[in-house]
Amino acid sequence: MGMIPFPLLPLSLLLSLAQSESAPTTATGALLDQRELQVACARLAGEFPREVSLVPLYESPQGRRVDALRVARGELTAGRPAVLVVAAIDGPQAWTSTLALEAARGLLTATDPATKALLSSTTFWIVPRANPDACEVRFTQPLSESRAT
């Protein structure tokens, strides 16, 4: 089976998209609990209904829904290149969910031709919180961190 030639996207590109000037500064750096994260994902899908789909992936052992954001412009054809971004795999790094959401927003609001072309030819699958049970422990009182569910 042959490999599809596709340039690797450096993390610095995704981080620069997350910090684009067009992204709202009020959400930058916000630490979101599971409910707030689901609201933020739904809001992003509502703002960009043609480009963003909220796709349920699975339910965590403690019953929390894990979603992916499918971010793309244009026709979704078979064989279209895709990039997978997974955040918050580790409970103490719940803040990476915000980075993933801001990267998605940066892709969607970018005005430069290269990013627009990338979004028209490539599908981005963004999982903002892969381990919601361990991340949610971060919001319990007394404050604590957990790496596992």
N, C-alpha and C. Protein backbone atom coordinates (compact mmCIF):
# COMPACT_ATOMS: atom_id res chain seq x y z
N MET A 1 0.84 -1.17 0.00
CA MET A 1 0.00 0.00 0.00
C MET A 1 0.89 1.24 0.00
N GLY A 2 0.67 2.13 -0.93
CA GLY A 2 1.50 3.32 -1.06
C GLY A 2 1.09 4.41 -0.09
N MET A 3 2.01 5.25 0.20
CA MET A 3 1.76 6.39 1.09
C MET A 3 1.25 7.57 0.26
N ILE A 4 0.33 8.30 0.80
CA ILE A 4 -0.15 9.52 0.16
C ILE A 4 0.80 10.63 0.56
N PRO A 5 1.46 11.27 -0.42
CA PRO A 5 2.37 12.35 -0.04
C PRO A 5 1.58 13.53 0.52
N PHE A 6 1.93 13.92 1.72
CA PHE A 6 1.23 15.04 2.36
C PHE A 6 2.19 15.68 3.33
N PRO A 7 2.36 16.97 3.25
CA PRO A 7 3.32 17.62 4.15
C PRO A 7 2.85 17.54 5.60
N LEU A 8 3.78 17.29 6.49
CA LEU A 8 3.46 17.28 7.91
C LEU A 8 3.28 18.71 8.38
N LEU A 9 2.25 18.93 9.19
CA LEU A 9 2.01 20.26 9.72
C LEU A 9 2.75 20.40 11.04
N PRO A 10 3.63 21.35 11.13
CA PRO A 10 4.32 21.52 12.41
C PRO A 10 3.37 22.04 13.47
N LEU A 11 3.64 21.66 14.71
CA LEU A 11 2.83 22.13 15.83
C LEU A 11 2.82 23.65 15.88
N SER A 12 3.91 24.27 15.46
CA SER A 12 3.97 25.73 15.49
C SER A 12 2.91 26.35 14.59
N LEU A 13 2.57 25.68 13.46
CA LEU A 13 1.52 26.19 12.58
C LEU A 13 0.18 26.16 13.31
N LEU A 14 -0.14 25.04 13.95
CA LEU A 14 -1.40 24.95 14.67
C LEU A 14 -1.46 25.95 15.81
N LEU A 15 -0.36 26.14 16.52
CA LEU A 15 -0.35 27.10 17.61
C LEU A 15 -0.48 28.52 17.09
N SER A 16 0.14 28.81 15.93
CA SER A 16 0.01 30.16 15.38
C SER A 16 -1.42 30.40 14.91
N LEU A 17 -2.09 29.37 14.40
CA LEU A 17 -3.50 29.51 14.02
C LEU A 17 -4.35 29.76 15.25
N ALA A 18 -3.99 29.11 16.35
CA ALA A 18 -4.75 29.29 17.59
C ALA A 18 -4.59 30.70 18.13
N GLN A 19 -3.51 31.36 17.78
CA GLN A 19 -3.26 32.69 18.29
C GLN A 19 -3.48 33.76 17.24
N SER A 20 -4.21 33.42 16.17
CA SER A 20 -4.43 34.40 15.10
C SER A 20 -5.17 35.62 15.64
N GLU A 21 -4.95 36.73 14.98
CA GLU A 21 -5.56 37.98 15.43
C GLU A 21 -7.07 37.95 15.30
N SER A 22 -7.61 37.12 14.40
CA SER A 22 -9.05 37.09 14.21
C SER A 22 -9.77 36.26 15.27
N ALA A 23 -9.03 35.46 16.04
CA ALA A 23 -9.67 34.66 17.09
C ALA A 23 -10.04 35.57 18.25
N PRO A 24 -11.20 35.34 18.87
CA PRO A 24 -11.59 36.18 19.99
C PRO A 24 -10.64 35.98 21.17
N THR A 25 -10.24 37.06 21.78
CA THR A 25 -9.27 36.96 22.87
C THR A 25 -9.93 36.59 24.19
N THR A 26 -11.25 36.67 24.27
CA THR A 26 -11.90 36.37 25.54
C THR A 26 -11.80 34.89 25.90
N ALA A 27 -11.72 33.99 24.92
CA ALA A 27 -11.68 32.57 25.21
C ALA A 27 -10.25 32.05 25.36
N THR A 28 -9.27 32.80 24.89
CA THR A 28 -7.90 32.33 24.91
C THR A 28 -7.44 32.08 26.34
N GLY A 29 -6.94 30.89 26.57
CA GLY A 29 -6.43 30.54 27.87
C GLY A 29 -7.47 30.07 28.86
N ALA A 30 -8.73 30.05 28.48
CA ALA A 30 -9.78 29.63 29.41
C ALA A 30 -9.66 28.13 29.67
N LEU A 31 -9.76 27.75 30.93
CA LEU A 31 -9.76 26.34 31.31
C LEU A 31 -11.22 25.91 31.38
N LEU A 32 -11.63 25.05 30.48
CA LEU A 32 -13.03 24.67 30.34
C LEU A 32 -13.31 23.32 30.98
N ASP A 33 -14.37 23.26 31.80
CA ASP A 33 -14.81 21.95 32.28
C ASP A 33 -15.57 21.26 31.14
N GLN A 34 -16.02 20.04 31.37
CA GLN A 34 -16.63 19.25 30.29
C GLN A 34 -17.88 19.93 29.72
N ARG A 35 -18.73 20.46 30.58
CA ARG A 35 -19.94 21.12 30.09
C ARG A 35 -19.59 22.35 29.27
N GLU A 36 -18.66 23.17 29.75
CA GLU A 36 -18.25 24.36 29.01
C GLU A 36 -17.60 24.01 27.68
N LEU A 37 -16.84 22.92 27.67
CA LEU A 37 -16.21 22.47 26.43
C LEU A 37 -17.26 22.04 25.41
N GLN A 38 -18.26 21.29 25.85
CA GLN A 38 -19.32 20.88 24.92
C GLN A 38 -20.07 22.09 24.36
N VAL A 39 -20.31 23.08 25.20
CA VAL A 39 -20.98 24.31 24.74
C VAL A 39 -20.10 25.02 23.72
N ALA A 40 -18.80 25.12 24.00
CA ALA A 40 -17.88 25.80 23.08
C ALA A 40 -17.80 25.08 21.73
N CYS A 41 -17.80 23.75 21.75
CA CYS A 41 -17.78 22.98 20.50
C CYS A 41 -19.06 23.20 19.71
N ALA A 42 -20.20 23.15 20.39
CA ALA A 42 -21.49 23.38 19.73
C ALA A 42 -21.56 24.80 19.17
N ARG A 43 -21.03 25.76 19.91
CA ARG A 43 -21.03 27.15 19.45
C ARG A 43 -20.19 27.30 18.18
N LEU A 44 -19.02 26.65 18.14
CA LEU A 44 -18.17 26.72 16.96
C LEU A 44 -18.86 26.09 15.76
N ALA A 45 -19.51 24.95 15.98
CA ALA A 45 -20.25 24.30 14.89
C ALA A 45 -21.41 25.17 14.42
N GLY A 46 -22.05 25.89 15.35
CA GLY A 46 -23.14 26.79 14.98
C GLY A 46 -22.67 28.01 14.22
N GLU A 47 -21.48 28.51 14.54
CA GLU A 47 -20.92 29.67 13.85
C GLU A 47 -20.49 29.33 12.43
N PHE A 48 -20.06 28.11 12.21
CA PHE A 48 -19.54 27.67 10.91
C PHE A 48 -20.24 26.39 10.48
N PRO A 49 -21.56 26.45 10.22
CA PRO A 49 -22.31 25.22 9.96
C PRO A 49 -21.90 24.47 8.69
N ARG A 50 -21.36 25.17 7.71
CA ARG A 50 -20.93 24.49 6.48
C ARG A 50 -19.55 23.87 6.61
N GLU A 51 -18.75 24.36 7.54
CA GLU A 51 -17.38 23.88 7.67
C GLU A 51 -17.14 22.95 8.85
N VAL A 52 -17.99 23.01 9.88
CA VAL A 52 -17.75 22.25 11.11
C VAL A 52 -18.91 21.31 11.40
N SER A 53 -18.57 20.06 11.64
CA SER A 53 -19.55 19.07 12.08
C SER A 53 -19.09 18.52 13.42
N LEU A 54 -20.02 18.40 14.34
CA LEU A 54 -19.74 17.81 15.64
C LEU A 54 -20.08 16.33 15.54
N VAL A 55 -19.08 15.47 15.67
CA VAL A 55 -19.24 14.04 15.47
C VAL A 55 -19.01 13.30 16.78
N PRO A 56 -20.05 12.63 17.32
CA PRO A 56 -19.84 11.85 18.56
C PRO A 56 -18.92 10.66 18.29
N LEU A 57 -17.94 10.45 19.16
CA LEU A 57 -17.00 9.35 18.99
C LEU A 57 -17.30 8.19 19.92
N TYR A 58 -17.39 8.48 21.21
CA TYR A 58 -17.62 7.43 22.20
C TYR A 58 -18.05 8.05 23.51
N GLU A 59 -18.41 7.19 24.44
CA GLU A 59 -18.76 7.62 25.79
C GLU A 59 -17.68 7.11 26.73
N SER A 60 -17.23 7.98 27.63
CA SER A 60 -16.17 7.61 28.57
C SER A 60 -16.72 6.60 29.59
N PRO A 61 -15.84 5.94 30.34
CA PRO A 61 -16.31 5.01 31.37
C PRO A 61 -17.26 5.64 32.39
N GLN A 62 -17.12 6.96 32.62
CA GLN A 62 -18.01 7.64 33.56
C GLN A 62 -19.18 8.33 32.85
N GLY A 63 -19.40 7.98 31.59
CA GLY A 63 -20.59 8.46 30.88
C GLY A 63 -20.47 9.82 30.23
N ARG A 64 -19.28 10.33 30.05
CA ARG A 64 -19.11 11.63 29.39
C ARG A 64 -18.92 11.41 27.89
N ARG A 65 -19.61 12.22 27.11
CA ARG A 65 -19.54 12.11 25.65
C ARG A 65 -18.24 12.71 25.14
N VAL A 66 -17.59 12.02 24.23
CA VAL A 66 -16.38 12.51 23.58
C VAL A 66 -16.73 12.76 22.11
N ASP A 67 -16.53 14.01 21.69
CA ASP A 67 -16.85 14.41 20.32
C ASP A 67 -15.59 14.79 19.57
N ALA A 68 -15.70 14.75 18.25
CA ALA A 68 -14.67 15.28 17.37
C ALA A 68 -15.30 16.39 16.55
N LEU A 69 -14.49 17.37 16.23
CA LEU A 69 -14.91 18.41 15.31
C LEU A 69 -14.32 18.05 13.94
N ARG A 70 -15.19 17.92 12.95
CA ARG A 70 -14.71 17.72 11.58
C ARG A 70 -14.70 19.10 10.94
N VAL A 71 -13.53 19.58 10.60
CA VAL A 71 -13.36 20.93 10.06
C VAL A 71 -12.85 20.80 8.63
N ALA A 72 -13.65 21.30 7.69
CA ALA A 72 -13.27 21.21 6.28
C ALA A 72 -14.13 22.17 5.46
N ARG A 73 -13.60 22.59 4.33
CA ARG A 73 -14.37 23.36 3.35
C ARG A 73 -14.41 22.57 2.07
N GLY A 74 -15.47 22.76 1.33
CA GLY A 74 -15.58 22.09 0.05
C GLY A 74 -16.14 20.69 0.18
N GLU A 75 -16.01 19.95 -0.90
CA GLU A 75 -16.58 18.61 -0.98
C GLU A 75 -15.73 17.60 -0.22
N LEU A 76 -16.38 16.78 0.60
CA LEU A 76 -15.69 15.74 1.36
C LEU A 76 -15.68 14.47 0.52
N THR A 77 -14.63 14.28 -0.25
CA THR A 77 -14.52 13.15 -1.16
C THR A 77 -13.65 12.05 -0.55
N ALA A 78 -13.85 10.84 -1.05
CA ALA A 78 -13.03 9.72 -0.62
C ALA A 78 -11.58 10.00 -1.00
N GLY A 79 -10.67 9.67 -0.11
CA GLY A 79 -9.25 9.87 -0.36
C GLY A 79 -8.73 11.26 -0.04
N ARG A 80 -9.61 12.12 0.43
CA ARG A 80 -9.18 13.47 0.80
C ARG A 80 -8.22 13.37 1.98
N PRO A 81 -7.10 14.07 1.95
CA PRO A 81 -6.16 14.03 3.07
C PRO A 81 -6.82 14.54 4.35
N ALA A 82 -6.36 14.02 5.48
CA ALA A 82 -6.91 14.42 6.78
C ALA A 82 -5.80 14.55 7.80
N VAL A 83 -6.04 15.42 8.76
CA VAL A 83 -5.12 15.62 9.87
C VAL A 83 -5.91 15.38 11.15
N LEU A 84 -5.35 14.58 12.05
CA LEU A 84 -5.98 14.30 13.33
C LEU A 84 -5.25 15.06 14.42
N VAL A 85 -6.00 15.84 15.18
CA VAL A 85 -5.46 16.57 16.33
C VAL A 85 -6.20 16.06 17.56
N VAL A 86 -5.46 15.52 18.52
CA VAL A 86 -6.07 14.98 19.74
C VAL A 86 -5.47 15.74 20.92
N ALA A 87 -6.35 16.30 21.76
CA ALA A 87 -5.90 17.06 22.92
C ALA A 87 -6.44 16.43 24.20
N ALA A 88 -5.88 16.83 25.31
CA ALA A 88 -6.31 16.42 26.64
C ALA A 88 -6.40 14.90 26.80
N ILE A 89 -5.34 14.25 26.39
CA ILE A 89 -5.24 12.81 26.61
C ILE A 89 -4.91 12.54 28.07
N ASP A 90 -4.16 13.45 28.65
CA ASP A 90 -3.68 13.35 30.03
C ASP A 90 -4.48 14.32 30.89
N GLY A 91 -5.04 13.86 31.98
CA GLY A 91 -5.91 14.67 32.84
C GLY A 91 -5.35 16.03 33.25
N PRO A 92 -4.11 16.10 33.73
CA PRO A 92 -3.57 17.39 34.14
C PRO A 92 -3.41 18.39 32.99
N GLN A 93 -3.57 17.95 31.78
CA GLN A 93 -3.41 18.85 30.64
C GLN A 93 -4.75 19.20 30.01
N ALA A 94 -5.74 19.42 30.86
CA ALA A 94 -7.08 19.80 30.38
C ALA A 94 -7.04 21.10 29.58
N TRP A 95 -6.06 21.94 29.83
CA TRP A 95 -5.92 23.21 29.14
C TRP A 95 -5.66 23.04 27.65
N THR A 96 -5.18 21.86 27.23
CA THR A 96 -4.91 21.67 25.80
C THR A 96 -6.20 21.63 24.98
N SER A 97 -7.34 21.40 25.63
CA SER A 97 -8.62 21.45 24.93
C SER A 97 -8.86 22.84 24.35
N THR A 98 -8.51 23.86 25.10
CA THR A 98 -8.66 25.23 24.62
C THR A 98 -7.76 25.48 23.43
N LEU A 99 -6.53 24.97 23.47
CA LEU A 99 -5.63 25.13 22.33
C LEU A 99 -6.21 24.49 21.07
N ALA A 100 -6.79 23.31 21.23
CA ALA A 100 -7.37 22.62 20.07
C ALA A 100 -8.54 23.42 19.49
N LEU A 101 -9.40 23.95 20.36
CA LEU A 101 -10.53 24.76 19.88
C LEU A 101 -10.05 26.03 19.20
N GLU A 102 -9.06 26.67 19.77
CA GLU A 102 -8.53 27.90 19.17
C GLU A 102 -7.83 27.61 17.84
N ALA A 103 -7.18 26.45 17.72
CA ALA A 103 -6.58 26.07 16.44
C ALA A 103 -7.66 25.89 15.38
N ALA A 104 -8.78 25.26 15.76
CA ALA A 104 -9.90 25.10 14.82
C ALA A 104 -10.43 26.46 14.40
N ARG A 105 -10.62 27.34 15.36
CA ARG A 105 -11.12 28.69 15.03
C ARG A 105 -10.12 29.44 14.14
N GLY A 106 -8.85 29.27 14.42
CA GLY A 106 -7.82 29.90 13.59
C GLY A 106 -7.87 29.43 12.15
N LEU A 107 -8.06 28.13 11.96
CA LEU A 107 -8.21 27.59 10.60
C LEU A 107 -9.41 28.20 9.89
N LEU A 108 -10.51 28.31 10.61
CA LEU A 108 -11.76 28.77 10.02
C LEU A 108 -11.78 30.26 9.73
N THR A 109 -11.04 31.03 10.47
CA THR A 109 -11.07 32.48 10.30
C THR A 109 -9.83 33.02 9.58
N ALA A 110 -8.92 32.15 9.21
CA ALA A 110 -7.70 32.58 8.53
C ALA A 110 -8.04 33.26 7.21
N THR A 111 -7.30 34.28 6.89
CA THR A 111 -7.53 35.02 5.65
C THR A 111 -6.42 34.81 4.63
N ASP A 112 -5.34 34.16 5.02
CA ASP A 112 -4.23 33.98 4.07
C ASP A 112 -4.58 32.86 3.08
N PRO A 113 -4.15 33.00 1.84
CA PRO A 113 -4.48 32.02 0.78
C PRO A 113 -4.01 30.60 1.08
N ALA A 114 -2.85 30.45 1.71
CA ALA A 114 -2.31 29.11 1.97
C ALA A 114 -3.21 28.33 2.93
N THR A 115 -3.65 28.98 4.01
CA THR A 115 -4.52 28.30 4.97
C THR A 115 -5.88 28.03 4.37
N LYS A 116 -6.41 28.97 3.58
CA LYS A 116 -7.70 28.75 2.92
C LYS A 116 -7.61 27.55 1.97
N ALA A 117 -6.52 27.45 1.22
CA ALA A 117 -6.35 26.33 0.30
C ALA A 117 -6.22 25.01 1.08
N LEU A 118 -5.49 25.05 2.19
CA LEU A 118 -5.33 23.85 3.01
C LEU A 118 -6.68 23.37 3.53
N LEU A 119 -7.50 24.27 4.00
CA LEU A 119 -8.81 23.90 4.55
C LEU A 119 -9.75 23.42 3.45
N SER A 120 -9.53 23.86 2.22
CA SER A 120 -10.36 23.41 1.10
C SER A 120 -9.94 22.05 0.56
N SER A 121 -8.72 21.63 0.88
CA SER A 121 -8.23 20.36 0.35
C SER A 121 -8.03 19.29 1.42
N THR A 122 -8.09 19.67 2.68
CA THR A 122 -7.75 18.76 3.79
C THR A 122 -8.83 18.82 4.85
N THR A 123 -9.16 17.67 5.40
CA THR A 123 -10.11 17.61 6.51
C THR A 123 -9.33 17.54 7.81
N PHE A 124 -9.73 18.35 8.78
CA PHE A 124 -9.12 18.32 10.11
C PHE A 124 -10.11 17.67 11.06
N TRP A 125 -9.67 16.61 11.71
CA TRP A 125 -10.45 15.96 12.76
C TRP A 125 -9.81 16.40 14.07
N ILE A 126 -10.56 17.15 14.87
CA ILE A 126 -10.03 17.69 16.12
C ILE A 126 -10.82 17.11 17.29
N VAL A 127 -10.13 16.38 18.13
CA VAL A 127 -10.72 15.80 19.34
C VAL A 127 -10.22 16.67 20.50
N PRO A 128 -11.04 17.60 20.98
CA PRO A 128 -10.54 18.53 21.98
C PRO A 128 -10.30 17.92 23.37
N ARG A 129 -10.95 16.80 23.67
CA ARG A 129 -10.74 16.18 24.98
C ARG A 129 -10.94 14.68 24.85
N ALA A 130 -9.82 13.95 24.75
CA ALA A 130 -9.89 12.51 24.59
C ALA A 130 -10.14 11.77 25.90
N ASN A 131 -9.78 12.38 27.02
CA ASN A 131 -9.91 11.71 28.32
C ASN A 131 -10.70 12.61 29.28
N PRO A 132 -12.01 12.72 29.06
CA PRO A 132 -12.79 13.67 29.86
C PRO A 132 -12.88 13.30 31.34
N ASP A 133 -12.84 12.03 31.68
CA ASP A 133 -12.96 11.64 33.08
C ASP A 133 -11.76 12.15 33.89
N ALA A 134 -10.56 11.92 33.38
CA ALA A 134 -9.36 12.38 34.09
C ALA A 134 -9.29 13.90 34.09
N CYS A 135 -9.72 14.55 33.01
CA CYS A 135 -9.70 16.01 32.96
C CYS A 135 -10.70 16.61 33.93
N GLU A 136 -11.84 15.98 34.08
CA GLU A 136 -12.88 16.54 34.94
C GLU A 136 -12.47 16.52 36.41
N VAL A 137 -11.58 15.59 36.79
CA VAL A 137 -11.07 15.56 38.16
C VAL A 137 -10.38 16.89 38.48
N ARG A 138 -9.83 17.52 37.45
CA ARG A 138 -9.14 18.80 37.62
C ARG A 138 -10.06 19.88 38.20
N PHE A 139 -11.37 19.71 38.05
CA PHE A 139 -12.32 20.72 38.47
C PHE A 139 -13.02 20.38 39.80
N THR A 140 -12.62 19.28 40.44
CA THR A 140 -13.26 18.88 41.69
C THR A 140 -12.65 19.65 42.87
N GLN A 141 -13.37 19.68 43.97
CA GLN A 141 -12.89 20.31 45.19
C GLN A 141 -12.64 19.22 46.22
N PRO A 142 -11.54 19.16 46.90
CA PRO A 142 -10.39 20.03 46.71
C PRO A 142 -9.72 19.74 45.37
N LEU A 143 -9.04 20.74 44.83
CA LEU A 143 -8.39 20.60 43.53
C LEU A 143 -7.41 19.44 43.54
N SER A 144 -7.47 18.62 42.50
CA SER A 144 -6.54 17.51 42.37
C SER A 144 -6.36 17.21 40.89
N GLU A 145 -5.42 16.36 40.60
CA GLU A 145 -5.17 15.95 39.23
C GLU A 145 -5.12 14.44 39.16
N SER A 146 -5.54 13.90 38.01
CA SER A 146 -5.53 12.47 37.80
C SER A 146 -5.09 12.20 36.36
N ARG A 147 -4.23 11.22 36.18
CA ARG A 147 -3.78 10.87 34.84
C ARG A 147 -4.65 9.77 34.23
N ALA A 148 -5.45 9.12 35.04
CA ALA A 148 -6.26 8.00 34.55
C ALA A 148 -7.70 8.18 34.98
N THR A 149 -8.57 7.36 34.40
CA THR A 149 -9.98 7.41 34.78
C THR A 149 -10.23 6.49 35.94
